[in-house]
């Protein structure tokens, strides 16, 4: 593996250093919740079907 120089770390006093990710949109959040609910229902129904 080749060594590369690490990216420079900006100073804490630099306002451009605090670039956080924006929060997820409501639609994306509801999509993930729906995905987990559907997965849970599939697991429960699969357990009921196999017993």
PDB file of N, CA and C in Angstrom:
ATOM      1  N   UNK A   1       0.843  -1.190   0.000  1.00  0.00           N
ATOM      2  CA  UNK A   1       0.000   0.000   0.000  1.00  0.00           C
ATOM      3  C   UNK A   1       0.879   1.240   0.000  1.00  0.00           C
ATOM      4  N   UNK A   2       0.468   2.230  -0.708  1.00  0.00           N
ATOM      5  CA  UNK A   2       1.220   3.474  -0.730  1.00  0.00           C
ATOM      6  C   UNK A   2       0.688   4.416   0.339  1.00  0.00           C
ATOM      7  N   UNK A   3       1.625   5.104   0.975  1.00  0.00           N
ATOM      8  CA  UNK A   3       1.213   6.055   2.003  1.00  0.00           C
ATOM      9  C   UNK A   3       0.864   7.378   1.356  1.00  0.00           C
ATOM     10  N   UNK A   4      -0.232   7.942   1.792  1.00  0.00           N
ATOM     11  CA  UNK A   4      -0.644   9.252   1.292  1.00  0.00           C
ATOM     12  C   UNK A   4      -0.693  10.208   2.458  1.00  0.00           C
ATOM     13  N   UNK A   5      -0.471  11.470   2.173  1.00  0.00           N
ATOM     14  CA  UNK A   5      -0.562  12.472   3.220  1.00  0.00           C
ATOM     15  C   UNK A   5      -2.010  12.601   3.656  1.00  0.00           C
ATOM     16  N   UNK A   6      -2.256  12.628   4.961  1.00  0.00           N
ATOM     17  CA  UNK A   6      -3.648  12.807   5.417  1.00  0.00           C
ATOM     18  C   UNK A   6      -4.148  14.202   5.055  1.00  0.00           C
ATOM     19  N   UNK A   7      -5.448  14.299   4.946  1.00  0.00           N
ATOM     20  CA  UNK A   7      -6.053  15.589   4.624  1.00  0.00           C
ATOM     21  C   UNK A   7      -5.772  16.574   5.752  1.00  0.00           C
ATOM     22  N   UNK A   8      -5.523  17.828   5.433  1.00  0.00           N
ATOM     23  CA  UNK A   8      -5.259  18.804   6.500  1.00  0.00           C
ATOM     24  C   UNK A   8      -6.502  18.995   7.373  1.00  0.00           C
ATOM     25  N   UNK A   9      -6.267  19.063   8.657  1.00  0.00           N
ATOM     26  CA  UNK A   9      -7.360  19.259   9.608  1.00  0.00           C
ATOM     27  C   UNK A   9      -7.508  20.750   9.847  1.00  0.00           C
ATOM     28  N   UNK A  10      -8.667  21.330   9.529  1.00  0.00           N
ATOM     29  CA  UNK A  10      -8.831  22.769   9.755  1.00  0.00           C
ATOM     30  C   UNK A  10      -8.878  23.094  11.239  1.00  0.00           C
ATOM     31  N   UNK A  11      -8.477  24.290  11.557  1.00  0.00           N
ATOM     32  CA  UNK A  11      -8.476  24.730  12.954  1.00  0.00           C
ATOM     33  C   UNK A  11      -9.907  24.831  13.471  1.00  0.00           C
ATOM     34  N   UNK A  12     -10.069  24.620  14.763  1.00  0.00           N
ATOM     35  CA  UNK A  12     -11.401  24.636  15.370  1.00  0.00           C
ATOM     36  C   UNK A  12     -12.020  26.032  15.308  1.00  0.00           C
ATOM     37  N   UNK A  13     -11.189  27.056  15.240  1.00  0.00           N
ATOM     38  CA  UNK A  13     -11.726  28.411  15.200  1.00  0.00           C
ATOM     39  C   UNK A  13     -12.213  28.798  13.809  1.00  0.00           C
ATOM     40  N   UNK A  14     -11.888  27.975  12.825  1.00  0.00           N
ATOM     41  CA  UNK A  14     -12.295  28.246  11.450  1.00  0.00           C
ATOM     42  C   UNK A  14     -13.777  27.923  11.285  1.00  0.00           C
ATOM     43  N   UNK A  15     -14.621  28.920  10.932  1.00  0.00           N
ATOM     44  CA  UNK A  15     -16.059  28.630  10.804  1.00  0.00           C
ATOM     45  C   UNK A  15     -16.366  27.653   9.679  1.00  0.00           C
ATOM     46  N   UNK A  16     -15.502  27.558   8.668  1.00  0.00           N
ATOM     47  CA  UNK A  16     -15.742  26.614   7.581  1.00  0.00           C
ATOM     48  C   UNK A  16     -15.463  25.181   8.016  1.00  0.00           C
ATOM     49  N   UNK A  17     -14.829  24.997   9.182  1.00  0.00           N
ATOM     50  CA  UNK A  17     -14.507  23.657   9.655  1.00  0.00           C
ATOM     51  C   UNK A  17     -15.743  22.925  10.146  1.00  0.00           C
ATOM     52  N   UNK A  18     -16.761  23.636  10.507  1.00  0.00           N
ATOM     53  CA  UNK A  18     -17.971  23.012  11.049  1.00  0.00           C
ATOM     54  C   UNK A  18     -19.005  22.816   9.950  1.00  0.00           C
ATOM     55  N   UNK A  19     -18.711  21.917   9.051  1.00  0.00           N
ATOM     56  CA  UNK A  19     -19.647  21.617   7.972  1.00  0.00           C
ATOM     57  C   UNK A  19     -20.238  20.250   8.253  1.00  0.00           C
ATOM     58  N   UNK A  20     -21.393  20.238   8.893  1.00  0.00           N
ATOM     59  CA  UNK A  20     -22.054  18.997   9.240  1.00  0.00           C
ATOM     60  C   UNK A  20     -23.001  18.592   8.116  1.00  0.00           C
ATOM     61  N   UNK A  21     -23.361  17.311   8.114  1.00  0.00           N
ATOM     62  CA  UNK A  21     -24.348  16.852   7.135  1.00  0.00           C
ATOM     63  C   UNK A  21     -25.698  17.444   7.502  1.00  0.00           C
ATOM     64  N   UNK A  22     -26.488  17.785   6.508  1.00  0.00           N
ATOM     65  CA  UNK A  22     -27.837  18.251   6.823  1.00  0.00           C
ATOM     66  C   UNK A  22     -28.678  17.091   7.343  1.00  0.00           C
ATOM     67  N   UNK A  23     -29.670  17.371   8.161  1.00  0.00           N
ATOM     68  CA  UNK A  23     -30.517  16.278   8.650  1.00  0.00           C
ATOM     69  C   UNK A  23     -31.265  15.643   7.487  1.00  0.00           C
ATOM     70  N   UNK A  24     -31.632  14.370   7.621  1.00  0.00           N
ATOM     71  CA  UNK A  24     -32.347  13.716   6.526  1.00  0.00           C
ATOM     72  C   UNK A  24     -33.717  14.355   6.324  1.00  0.00           C
ATOM     73  N   UNK A  25     -34.166  14.350   5.095  1.00  0.00           N
ATOM     74  CA  UNK A  25     -35.482  14.919   4.823  1.00  0.00           C
ATOM     75  C   UNK A  25     -36.545  14.031   5.446  1.00  0.00           C
ATOM     76  N   UNK A  26     -37.725  14.585   5.633  1.00  0.00           N
ATOM     77  CA  UNK A  26     -38.820  13.850   6.259  1.00  0.00           C
ATOM     78  C   UNK A  26     -39.194  12.633   5.406  1.00  0.00           C
ATOM     79  N   UNK A  27     -39.197  12.804   4.094  1.00  0.00           N
ATOM     80  CA  UNK A  27     -39.541  11.686   3.214  1.00  0.00           C
ATOM     81  C   UNK A  27     -38.551  10.539   3.320  1.00  0.00           C
ATOM     82  N   UNK A  28     -37.265  10.872   3.393  1.00  0.00           N
ATOM     83  CA  UNK A  28     -36.250   9.822   3.516  1.00  0.00           C
ATOM     84  C   UNK A  28     -36.370   9.127   4.865  1.00  0.00           C
ATOM     85  N   UNK A  29     -36.632   9.890   5.913  1.00  0.00           N
ATOM     86  CA  UNK A  29     -36.794   9.312   7.239  1.00  0.00           C
ATOM     87  C   UNK A  29     -38.001   8.379   7.277  1.00  0.00           C
ATOM     88  N   UNK A  30     -39.114   8.811   6.688  1.00  0.00           N
ATOM     89  CA  UNK A  30     -40.300   7.951   6.649  1.00  0.00           C
ATOM     90  C   UNK A  30     -40.044   6.714   5.796  1.00  0.00           C
ATOM     91  N   UNK A  31     -39.249   6.842   4.757  1.00  0.00           N
ATOM     92  CA  UNK A  31     -38.904   5.689   3.932  1.00  0.00           C
ATOM     93  C   UNK A  31     -38.138   4.644   4.715  1.00  0.00           C
ATOM     94  N   UNK A  32     -37.165   5.080   5.527  1.00  0.00           N
ATOM     95  CA  UNK A  32     -36.410   4.133   6.342  1.00  0.00           C
ATOM     96  C   UNK A  32     -37.307   3.476   7.387  1.00  0.00           C
ATOM     97  N   UNK A  33     -38.184   4.263   8.008  1.00  0.00           N
ATOM     98  CA  UNK A  33     -39.101   3.700   9.008  1.00  0.00           C
ATOM     99  C   UNK A  33     -40.005   2.669   8.356  1.00  0.00           C
ATOM    100  N   UNK A  34     -40.538   2.994   7.179  1.00  0.00           N
ATOM    101  CA  UNK A  34     -41.401   2.059   6.466  1.00  0.00           C
ATOM    102  C   UNK A  34     -40.635   0.783   6.101  1.00  0.00           C
ATOM    103  N   UNK A  35     -39.383   0.932   5.689  1.00  0.00           N
ATOM    104  CA  UNK A  35     -38.572  -0.235   5.350  1.00  0.00           C
ATOM    105  C   UNK A  35     -38.409  -1.162   6.556  1.00  0.00           C
ATOM    106  N   UNK A  36     -38.111  -0.596   7.708  1.00  0.00           N
ATOM    107  CA  UNK A  36     -37.938  -1.420   8.907  1.00  0.00           C
ATOM    108  C   UNK A  36     -39.249  -2.047   9.358  1.00  0.00           C
ATOM    109  N   UNK A  37     -40.355  -1.328   9.216  1.00  0.00           N
ATOM    110  CA  UNK A  37     -41.655  -1.890   9.590  1.00  0.00           C
ATOM    111  C   UNK A  37     -41.997  -3.060   8.671  1.00  0.00           C
ATOM    112  N   UNK A  38     -41.783  -2.887   7.372  1.00  0.00           N
ATOM    113  CA  UNK A  38     -42.065  -3.969   6.426  1.00  0.00           C
ATOM    114  C   UNK A  38     -41.162  -5.165   6.719  1.00  0.00           C
ATOM    115  N   UNK A  39     -39.887  -4.918   7.012  1.00  0.00           N
ATOM    116  CA  UNK A  39     -38.978  -6.016   7.337  1.00  0.00           C
ATOM    117  C   UNK A  39     -39.427  -6.744   8.602  1.00  0.00           C
ATOM    118  N   UNK A  40     -39.883  -6.002   9.597  1.00  0.00           N
ATOM    119  CA  UNK A  40     -40.357  -6.635  10.833  1.00  0.00           C
ATOM    120  C   UNK A  40     -41.601  -7.476  10.569  1.00  0.00           C
ATOM    121  N   UNK A  41     -42.514  -6.964   9.748  1.00  0.00           N
ATOM    122  CA  UNK A  41     -43.728  -7.725   9.423  1.00  0.00           C
ATOM    123  C   UNK A  41     -43.367  -8.999   8.671  1.00  0.00           C
ATOM    124  N   UNK A  42     -42.424  -8.918   7.747  1.00  0.00           N
ATOM    125  CA  UNK A  42     -41.997 -10.107   7.002  1.00  0.00           C
ATOM    126  C   UNK A  42     -41.389 -11.139   7.942  1.00  0.00           C
ATOM    127  N   UNK A  43     -40.584 -10.694   8.892  1.00  0.00           N
ATOM    128  CA  UNK A  43     -39.969 -11.626   9.846  1.00  0.00           C
ATOM    129  C   UNK A  43     -41.048 -12.283  10.706  1.00  0.00           C
ATOM    130  N   UNK A  44     -42.007 -11.512  11.190  1.00  0.00           N
ATOM    131  CA  UNK A  44     -43.065 -12.064  12.042  1.00  0.00           C
ATOM    132  C   UNK A  44     -43.937 -13.031  11.244  1.00  0.00           C
ATOM    133  N   UNK A  45     -44.338 -12.627  10.044  1.00  0.00           N
ATOM    134  CA  UNK A  45     -45.178 -13.511   9.240  1.00  0.00           C
ATOM    135  C   UNK A  45     -44.418 -14.772   8.831  1.00  0.00           C
ATOM    136  N   UNK A  46     -43.139 -14.641   8.561  1.00  0.00           N
ATOM    137  CA  UNK A  46     -42.334 -15.827   8.239  1.00  0.00           C
ATOM    138  C   UNK A  46     -42.231 -16.758   9.435  1.00  0.00           C
ATOM    139  N   UNK A  47     -42.088 -16.205  10.622  1.00  0.00           N
ATOM    140  CA  UNK A  47     -42.047 -17.039  11.825  1.00  0.00           C
ATOM    141  C   UNK A  47     -43.366 -17.729  12.083  1.00  0.00           C
ATOM    142  N   UNK A  48     -44.474 -17.045  11.835  1.00  0.00           N
ATOM    143  CA  UNK A  48     -45.794 -17.644  12.033  1.00  0.00           C
ATOM    144  C   UNK A  48     -46.025 -18.736  10.996  1.00  0.00           C
ATOM    145  N   UNK A  49     -45.600 -18.491   9.761  1.00  0.00           N
ATOM    146  CA  UNK A  49     -45.821 -19.454   8.682  1.00  0.00           C
ATOM    147  C   UNK A  49     -44.996 -20.716   8.895  1.00  0.00           C
ATOM    148  N   UNK A  50     -43.783 -20.560   9.416  1.00  0.00           N
ATOM    149  CA  UNK A  50     -42.899 -21.719   9.578  1.00  0.00           C
ATOM    150  C   UNK A  50     -43.144 -22.501  10.854  1.00  0.00           C
ATOM    151  N   UNK A  51     -44.037 -22.034  11.710  1.00  0.00           N
ATOM    152  CA  UNK A  51     -44.308 -22.792  12.962  1.00  0.00           C
ATOM    153  C   UNK A  51     -45.622 -23.503  12.863  1.00  0.00           C
TER     154      UNK A  51
END
